[in-house]
């Protein structure tokens, strides 16, 4: 992976599409799977659109990614969109189906990481005369892999309200799942504490590296 040692304007130019689509497709996947399993809430509210404007959260989609992009130079970023509403009572098998709905977002990010990896691979195959297009395509593809994998791994942490927390609540026996679900109002503050302490990166970075290497190997960019 490149080190993204680019001037800030160029870094913003190659990262904006991967960020917007990673967050948008993540949320649409939740709503799409919920619809398949019996809950049309997101569809009725127009949240199954790939128009990023319908999903933008000013803090999670704009301010936080921009701040982390500036501070880390593209090495560490995450963000979020407005959550897609799911009415669990409409699901045919609520406990099981909520697990599938929660998993849909991270799975979508994994598929998006593969897509962006393929874009980066295509960039390496373009002739020298098309260097003007190959370089930004490669950086956008590489950034798309990085951001989507990071978003996937981050969301799979078993802490409500993250997707991994909802999966854990659905898979654990009733009393344990209920106890874990009670952490949801405090989940953001727990994540903030883990982030400030440095423990969050320690936990997720090895998994991020593993999936990044798997994606790059799959598309033919591995070492």
C-alpha atoms as a PDB file:
ATOM      1  CA  UNK A   1       0.000   0.000   0.000  1.00  0.00           C
ATOM      2  CA  UNK A   2       1.251   3.543  -0.722  1.00  0.00           C
ATOM      3  CA  UNK A   3       1.995   5.831   2.209  1.00  0.00           C
ATOM      4  CA  UNK A   4      -0.294   8.575   0.816  1.00  0.00           C
ATOM      5  CA  UNK A   5       2.455  11.157   1.202  1.00  0.00           C
ATOM      6  CA  UNK A   6       0.458  13.597  -0.911  1.00  0.00           C
ATOM      7  CA  UNK A   7      -0.358  17.294  -0.543  1.00  0.00           C
ATOM      8  CA  UNK A   8      -3.707  17.713   1.218  1.00  0.00           C
ATOM      9  CA  UNK A   9      -5.669  18.841  -1.898  1.00  0.00           C
ATOM     10  CA  UNK A  10      -4.561  15.739  -3.823  1.00  0.00           C
ATOM     11  CA  UNK A  11      -5.238  13.523  -0.818  1.00  0.00           C
ATOM     12  CA  UNK A  12      -8.769  14.896  -0.570  1.00  0.00           C
ATOM     13  CA  UNK A  13      -9.292  14.424  -4.315  1.00  0.00           C
ATOM     14  CA  UNK A  14      -8.379  10.724  -4.283  1.00  0.00           C
ATOM     15  CA  UNK A  15     -10.167   9.920  -1.014  1.00  0.00           C
ATOM     16  CA  UNK A  16     -13.546  11.630  -1.247  1.00  0.00           C
ATOM     17  CA  UNK A  17     -15.247   9.078  -3.518  1.00  0.00           C
ATOM     18  CA  UNK A  18     -13.983   6.006  -1.586  1.00  0.00           C
ATOM     19  CA  UNK A  19     -15.119   7.574   1.706  1.00  0.00           C
ATOM     20  CA  UNK A  20     -18.572   8.583   0.482  1.00  0.00           C
ATOM     21  CA  UNK A  21     -19.307   5.274  -1.209  1.00  0.00           C
ATOM     22  CA  UNK A  22     -17.906   3.172   1.648  1.00  0.00           C
ATOM     23  CA  UNK A  23     -20.231   4.824   4.139  1.00  0.00           C
ATOM     24  CA  UNK A  24     -23.215   5.021   1.767  1.00  0.00           C
ATOM     25  CA  UNK A  25     -23.070   1.413   0.549  1.00  0.00           C
ATOM     26  CA  UNK A  26     -22.586   0.243   4.147  1.00  0.00           C
ATOM     27  CA  UNK A  27     -25.879   1.827   5.212  1.00  0.00           C
ATOM     28  CA  UNK A  28     -27.784   0.847   2.064  1.00  0.00           C
ATOM     29  CA  UNK A  29     -26.724  -2.777   2.634  1.00  0.00           C
ATOM     30  CA  UNK A  30     -28.320  -2.722   6.084  1.00  0.00           C
ATOM     31  CA  UNK A  31     -31.601  -1.404   4.664  1.00  0.00           C
ATOM     32  CA  UNK A  32     -31.576  -3.704   1.644  1.00  0.00           C
ATOM     33  CA  UNK A  33     -31.123  -6.850   3.735  1.00  0.00           C
ATOM     34  CA  UNK A  34     -33.768  -5.631   6.196  1.00  0.00           C
ATOM     35  CA  UNK A  35     -36.191  -5.224   3.288  1.00  0.00           C
ATOM     36  CA  UNK A  36     -35.418  -8.741   2.048  1.00  0.00           C
ATOM     37  CA  UNK A  37     -36.159 -10.054   5.544  1.00  0.00           C
ATOM     38  CA  UNK A  38     -39.500  -8.286   5.887  1.00  0.00           C
ATOM     39  CA  UNK A  39     -38.839  -4.730   7.082  1.00  0.00           C
ATOM     40  CA  UNK A  40     -39.512  -2.021   4.458  1.00  0.00           C
ATOM     41  CA  UNK A  41     -38.827   0.928   6.809  1.00  0.00           C
ATOM     42  CA  UNK A  42     -35.630   2.114   5.119  1.00  0.00           C
ATOM     43  CA  UNK A  43     -37.198   1.686   1.667  1.00  0.00           C
ATOM     44  CA  UNK A  44     -40.244   3.751   2.615  1.00  0.00           C
ATOM     45  CA  UNK A  45     -38.014   6.529   3.956  1.00  0.00           C
ATOM     46  CA  UNK A  46     -35.947   6.640   0.751  1.00  0.00           C
ATOM     47  CA  UNK A  47     -32.793   5.350   2.461  1.00  0.00           C
ATOM     48  CA  UNK A  48     -32.040   2.622  -0.108  1.00  0.00           C
ATOM     49  CA  UNK A  49     -30.586   5.278  -2.402  1.00  0.00           C
ATOM     50  CA  UNK A  50     -26.908   5.438  -3.371  1.00  0.00           C
ATOM     51  CA  UNK A  51     -27.175   9.229  -3.263  1.00  0.00           C
ATOM     52  CA  UNK A  52     -24.688  10.087  -0.463  1.00  0.00           C
ATOM     53  CA  UNK A  53     -26.677  13.194   0.511  1.00  0.00           C
ATOM     54  CA  UNK A  54     -29.435  10.966   1.911  1.00  0.00           C
ATOM     55  CA  UNK A  55     -26.966   9.347   4.303  1.00  0.00           C
ATOM     56  CA  UNK A  56     -24.576  12.149   5.264  1.00  0.00           C
ATOM     57  CA  UNK A  57     -24.054  12.795   8.956  1.00  0.00           C
ATOM     58  CA  UNK A  58     -22.264  16.171   9.344  1.00  0.00           C
ATOM     59  CA  UNK A  59     -19.971  14.899  12.091  1.00  0.00           C
ATOM     60  CA  UNK A  60     -19.402  11.269  11.094  1.00  0.00           C
ATOM     61  CA  UNK A  61     -19.314  11.635   7.311  1.00  0.00           C
ATOM     62  CA  UNK A  62     -17.647  15.027   6.898  1.00  0.00           C
ATOM     63  CA  UNK A  63     -15.898  16.535   9.917  1.00  0.00           C
ATOM     64  CA  UNK A  64     -14.367  13.461  11.555  1.00  0.00           C
ATOM     65  CA  UNK A  65     -12.993  11.818   8.352  1.00  0.00           C
ATOM     66  CA  UNK A  66     -11.612  15.194   7.206  1.00  0.00           C
ATOM     67  CA  UNK A  67      -9.937  15.769  10.569  1.00  0.00           C
ATOM     68  CA  UNK A  68      -8.432  12.269  10.667  1.00  0.00           C
ATOM     69  CA  UNK A  69      -7.346  12.591   7.036  1.00  0.00           C
ATOM     70  CA  UNK A  70      -5.495  15.791   7.865  1.00  0.00           C
ATOM     71  CA  UNK A  71      -3.956  14.510  11.109  1.00  0.00           C
ATOM     72  CA  UNK A  72      -2.940  11.009   9.960  1.00  0.00           C
ATOM     73  CA  UNK A  73      -2.245  11.639   6.287  1.00  0.00           C
ATOM     74  CA  UNK A  74      -4.624   8.844   5.339  1.00  0.00           C
ATOM     75  CA  UNK A  75      -3.071   6.226   7.636  1.00  0.00           C
ATOM     76  CA  UNK A  76      -5.969   6.056  10.100  1.00  0.00           C
ATOM     77  CA  UNK A  77      -9.531   7.016   9.278  1.00  0.00           C
ATOM     78  CA  UNK A  78     -13.061   6.032   9.988  1.00  0.00           C
ATOM     79  CA  UNK A  79     -16.485   7.620   9.945  1.00  0.00           C
ATOM     80  CA  UNK A  80     -20.170   6.881   9.837  1.00  0.00           C
ATOM     81  CA  UNK A  81     -23.384   7.912   8.133  1.00  0.00           C
ATOM     82  CA  UNK A  82     -26.873   8.419   9.492  1.00  0.00           C
ATOM     83  CA  UNK A  83     -27.965   4.936  10.603  1.00  0.00           C
ATOM     84  CA  UNK A  84     -30.567   3.293   8.392  1.00  0.00           C
ATOM     85  CA  UNK A  85     -33.713   2.729  10.491  1.00  0.00           C
ATOM     86  CA  UNK A  86     -34.702  -0.894  11.044  1.00  0.00           C
ATOM     87  CA  UNK A  87     -37.992  -1.875  12.700  1.00  0.00           C
ATOM     88  CA  UNK A  88     -37.047  -5.212  14.188  1.00  0.00           C
ATOM     89  CA  UNK A  89     -40.688  -6.172  14.877  1.00  0.00           C
ATOM     90  CA  UNK A  90     -41.256  -6.319  11.098  1.00  0.00           C
ATOM     91  CA  UNK A  91     -38.528  -8.927  10.574  1.00  0.00           C
ATOM     92  CA  UNK A  92     -39.739 -12.472  10.080  1.00  0.00           C
ATOM     93  CA  UNK A  93     -37.271 -13.892  12.620  1.00  0.00           C
ATOM     94  CA  UNK A  94     -36.217 -10.799  14.608  1.00  0.00           C
ATOM     95  CA  UNK A  95     -33.305 -12.207  16.637  1.00  0.00           C
ATOM     96  CA  UNK A  96     -31.701 -14.056  13.723  1.00  0.00           C
ATOM     97  CA  UNK A  97     -32.540 -11.431  11.120  1.00  0.00           C
ATOM     98  CA  UNK A  98     -31.051  -8.571  13.132  1.00  0.00           C
ATOM     99  CA  UNK A  99     -27.747 -10.451  13.053  1.00  0.00           C
ATOM    100  CA  UNK A 100     -27.959 -10.706   9.249  1.00  0.00           C
ATOM    101  CA  UNK A 101     -28.924  -7.022   8.923  1.00  0.00           C
ATOM    102  CA  UNK A 102     -25.980  -6.009  11.125  1.00  0.00           C
ATOM    103  CA  UNK A 103     -23.525  -8.166   9.151  1.00  0.00           C
ATOM    104  CA  UNK A 104     -24.675  -6.703   5.832  1.00  0.00           C
ATOM    105  CA  UNK A 105     -22.767  -3.446   6.341  1.00  0.00           C
ATOM    106  CA  UNK A 106     -19.326  -4.962   7.046  1.00  0.00           C
ATOM    107  CA  UNK A 107     -19.796  -7.524   4.245  1.00  0.00           C
ATOM    108  CA  UNK A 108     -20.602  -4.663   1.863  1.00  0.00           C
ATOM    109  CA  UNK A 109     -17.383  -2.920   2.902  1.00  0.00           C
ATOM    110  CA  UNK A 110     -15.375  -6.077   2.246  1.00  0.00           C
ATOM    111  CA  UNK A 111     -16.852  -6.300  -1.255  1.00  0.00           C
ATOM    112  CA  UNK A 112     -16.149  -2.601  -1.791  1.00  0.00           C
ATOM    113  CA  UNK A 113     -12.545  -3.152  -0.701  1.00  0.00           C
ATOM    114  CA  UNK A 114     -12.211  -5.821  -3.405  1.00  0.00           C
ATOM    115  CA  UNK A 115     -13.770  -3.447  -5.964  1.00  0.00           C
ATOM    116  CA  UNK A 116     -11.320  -0.664  -5.128  1.00  0.00           C
ATOM    117  CA  UNK A 117      -8.479  -3.160  -5.136  1.00  0.00           C
ATOM    118  CA  UNK A 118      -9.437  -4.091  -8.688  1.00  0.00           C
ATOM    119  CA  UNK A 119      -9.419  -0.385  -9.628  1.00  0.00           C
ATOM    120  CA  UNK A 120      -5.878  -0.089  -8.258  1.00  0.00           C
ATOM    121  CA  UNK A 121      -4.846  -3.197 -10.185  1.00  0.00           C
ATOM    122  CA  UNK A 122      -6.328  -1.812 -13.413  1.00  0.00           C
ATOM    123  CA  UNK A 123      -4.322   1.382 -12.838  1.00  0.00           C
ATOM    124  CA  UNK A 124      -1.094  -0.616 -12.827  1.00  0.00           C
ATOM    125  CA  UNK A 125      -2.001  -2.139 -16.208  1.00  0.00           C
ATOM    126  CA  UNK A 126      -2.634   1.150 -18.015  1.00  0.00           C
ATOM    127  CA  UNK A 127       0.015   2.184 -20.550  1.00  0.00           C
ATOM    128  CA  UNK A 128       2.611   4.824 -19.647  1.00  0.00           C
ATOM    129  CA  UNK A 129       0.863   7.337 -21.906  1.00  0.00           C
ATOM    130  CA  UNK A 130      -2.151   7.239 -19.575  1.00  0.00           C
ATOM    131  CA  UNK A 131      -0.122   7.955 -16.456  1.00  0.00           C
ATOM    132  CA  UNK A 132      -2.282  11.051 -15.880  1.00  0.00           C
ATOM    133  CA  UNK A 133      -5.261   8.737 -15.246  1.00  0.00           C
ATOM    134  CA  UNK A 134      -3.422   5.758 -13.770  1.00  0.00           C
ATOM    135  CA  UNK A 135      -1.887   7.587 -10.809  1.00  0.00           C
ATOM    136  CA  UNK A 136      -5.099   9.074  -9.330  1.00  0.00           C
ATOM    137  CA  UNK A 137      -6.961   5.820 -10.044  1.00  0.00           C
ATOM    138  CA  UNK A 138      -4.286   3.839  -8.206  1.00  0.00           C
ATOM    139  CA  UNK A 139      -4.321   6.134  -5.184  1.00  0.00           C
ATOM    140  CA  UNK A 140      -8.138   6.157  -5.069  1.00  0.00           C
ATOM    141  CA  UNK A 141      -8.197   2.368  -5.323  1.00  0.00           C
ATOM    142  CA  UNK A 142      -5.563   1.931  -2.630  1.00  0.00           C
ATOM    143  CA  UNK A 143      -7.354   4.383  -0.353  1.00  0.00           C
ATOM    144  CA  UNK A 144     -10.649   2.583  -1.014  1.00  0.00           C
ATOM    145  CA  UNK A 145      -9.118  -0.695   0.121  1.00  0.00           C
ATOM    146  CA  UNK A 146      -7.679   0.912   3.247  1.00  0.00           C
ATOM    147  CA  UNK A 147     -10.826   2.774   4.260  1.00  0.00           C
ATOM    148  CA  UNK A 148     -13.300  -0.031   3.544  1.00  0.00           C
ATOM    149  CA  UNK A 149     -11.248  -2.620   5.418  1.00  0.00           C
ATOM    150  CA  UNK A 150     -10.829  -0.260   8.356  1.00  0.00           C
ATOM    151  CA  UNK A 151     -14.552   0.537   8.388  1.00  0.00           C
ATOM    152  CA  UNK A 152     -15.392  -3.171   8.274  1.00  0.00           C
ATOM    153  CA  UNK A 153     -13.035  -4.127  11.103  1.00  0.00           C
ATOM    154  CA  UNK A 154     -14.050  -1.166  13.256  1.00  0.00           C
ATOM    155  CA  UNK A 155     -17.753  -1.960  12.871  1.00  0.00           C
ATOM    156  CA  UNK A 156     -17.196  -5.611  13.787  1.00  0.00           C
ATOM    157  CA  UNK A 157     -16.013  -4.724  17.293  1.00  0.00           C
ATOM    158  CA  UNK A 158     -18.471  -6.517  19.640  1.00  0.00           C
ATOM    159  CA  UNK A 159     -19.711  -3.333  21.262  1.00  0.00           C
ATOM    160  CA  UNK A 160     -23.176  -1.851  20.770  1.00  0.00           C
ATOM    161  CA  UNK A 161     -24.152   0.254  18.875  1.00  0.00           C
ATOM    162  CA  UNK A 162     -21.577  -1.023  16.356  1.00  0.00           C
ATOM    163  CA  UNK A 163     -22.617  -3.796  13.971  1.00  0.00           C
ATOM    164  CA  UNK A 164     -20.428  -6.306  15.799  1.00  0.00           C
ATOM    165  CA  UNK A 165     -22.225  -5.459  19.023  1.00  0.00           C
ATOM    166  CA  UNK A 166     -25.600  -6.139  17.426  1.00  0.00           C
ATOM    167  CA  UNK A 167     -24.274  -9.428  16.054  1.00  0.00           C
ATOM    168  CA  UNK A 168     -23.012 -10.407  19.504  1.00  0.00           C
ATOM    169  CA  UNK A 169     -26.343  -9.473  21.119  1.00  0.00           C
ATOM    170  CA  UNK A 170     -28.154 -11.678  18.612  1.00  0.00           C
ATOM    171  CA  UNK A 171     -25.808 -14.646  19.000  1.00  0.00           C
ATOM    172  CA  UNK A 172     -25.395 -14.664  22.773  1.00  0.00           C
ATOM    173  CA  UNK A 173     -27.892 -16.481  24.999  1.00  0.00           C
ATOM    174  CA  UNK A 174     -30.796 -14.257  26.044  1.00  0.00           C
ATOM    175  CA  UNK A 175     -29.559 -12.954  29.439  1.00  0.00           C
ATOM    176  CA  UNK A 176     -26.003 -12.328  28.195  1.00  0.00           C
ATOM    177  CA  UNK A 177     -27.267 -10.625  25.044  1.00  0.00           C
ATOM    178  CA  UNK A 178     -29.539  -8.419  27.125  1.00  0.00           C
ATOM    179  CA  UNK A 179     -26.667  -7.451  29.417  1.00  0.00           C
ATOM    180  CA  UNK A 180     -24.481  -6.535  26.446  1.00  0.00           C
ATOM    181  CA  UNK A 181     -27.288  -4.513  24.835  1.00  0.00           C
ATOM    182  CA  UNK A 182     -27.455  -2.349  27.960  1.00  0.00           C
ATOM    183  CA  UNK A 183     -24.036  -0.942  27.034  1.00  0.00           C
ATOM    184  CA  UNK A 184     -25.421   0.752  23.921  1.00  0.00           C
ATOM    185  CA  UNK A 185     -25.996   4.213  25.523  1.00  0.00           C
ATOM    186  CA  UNK A 186     -22.367   4.188  26.664  1.00  0.00           C
ATOM    187  CA  UNK A 187     -20.807   2.629  23.559  1.00  0.00           C
ATOM    188  CA  UNK A 188     -19.594   5.900  22.070  1.00  0.00           C
ATOM    189  CA  UNK A 189     -17.859   6.922  25.295  1.00  0.00           C
ATOM    190  CA  UNK A 190     -16.217   3.488  25.613  1.00  0.00           C
ATOM    191  CA  UNK A 191     -14.945   3.799  22.038  1.00  0.00           C
ATOM    192  CA  UNK A 192     -13.688   7.304  22.725  1.00  0.00           C
ATOM    193  CA  UNK A 193     -11.798   6.066  25.771  1.00  0.00           C
ATOM    194  CA  UNK A 194     -10.278   3.189  23.798  1.00  0.00           C
ATOM    195  CA  UNK A 195      -9.281   5.602  21.050  1.00  0.00           C
ATOM    196  CA  UNK A 196      -7.658   8.138  23.377  1.00  0.00           C
ATOM    197  CA  UNK A 197      -5.804   5.396  25.243  1.00  0.00           C
ATOM    198  CA  UNK A 198      -4.417   3.911  22.041  1.00  0.00           C
ATOM    199  CA  UNK A 199      -5.969   0.512  22.784  1.00  0.00           C
ATOM    200  CA  UNK A 200      -8.435   0.758  19.911  1.00  0.00           C
ATOM    201  CA  UNK A 201      -5.709   0.834  17.244  1.00  0.00           C
ATOM    202  CA  UNK A 202      -3.789  -1.921  19.049  1.00  0.00           C
ATOM    203  CA  UNK A 203      -6.858  -4.168  18.825  1.00  0.00           C
ATOM    204  CA  UNK A 204      -7.971  -3.484  15.273  1.00  0.00           C
ATOM    205  CA  UNK A 205      -4.679  -2.913  13.415  1.00  0.00           C
ATOM    206  CA  UNK A 206      -3.580  -6.588  13.199  1.00  0.00           C
ATOM    207  CA  UNK A 207      -7.010  -7.564  11.846  1.00  0.00           C
ATOM    208  CA  UNK A 208      -6.948  -4.625   9.452  1.00  0.00           C
ATOM    209  CA  UNK A 209      -3.557  -5.671   8.140  1.00  0.00           C
ATOM    210  CA  UNK A 210      -4.729  -9.263   7.701  1.00  0.00           C
ATOM    211  CA  UNK A 211      -7.780  -8.328   5.619  1.00  0.00           C
ATOM    212  CA  UNK A 212      -5.885  -5.680   3.664  1.00  0.00           C
ATOM    213  CA  UNK A 213      -3.271  -8.241   2.671  1.00  0.00           C
ATOM    214  CA  UNK A 214      -5.991 -10.759   1.751  1.00  0.00           C
ATOM    215  CA  UNK A 215      -7.735  -8.236  -0.507  1.00  0.00           C
ATOM    216  CA  UNK A 216      -4.493  -7.150  -2.179  1.00  0.00           C
ATOM    217  CA  UNK A 217      -3.476 -10.745  -2.766  1.00  0.00           C
ATOM    218  CA  UNK A 218      -6.912 -11.540  -4.209  1.00  0.00           C
ATOM    219  CA  UNK A 219      -6.651  -8.753  -6.800  1.00  0.00           C
ATOM    220  CA  UNK A 220      -3.024  -9.497  -7.645  1.00  0.00           C
ATOM    221  CA  UNK A 221      -1.342  -6.662  -5.764  1.00  0.00           C
ATOM    222  CA  UNK A 222       0.090  -8.704  -2.916  1.00  0.00           C
ATOM    223  CA  UNK A 223       3.776  -8.965  -2.210  1.00  0.00           C
END
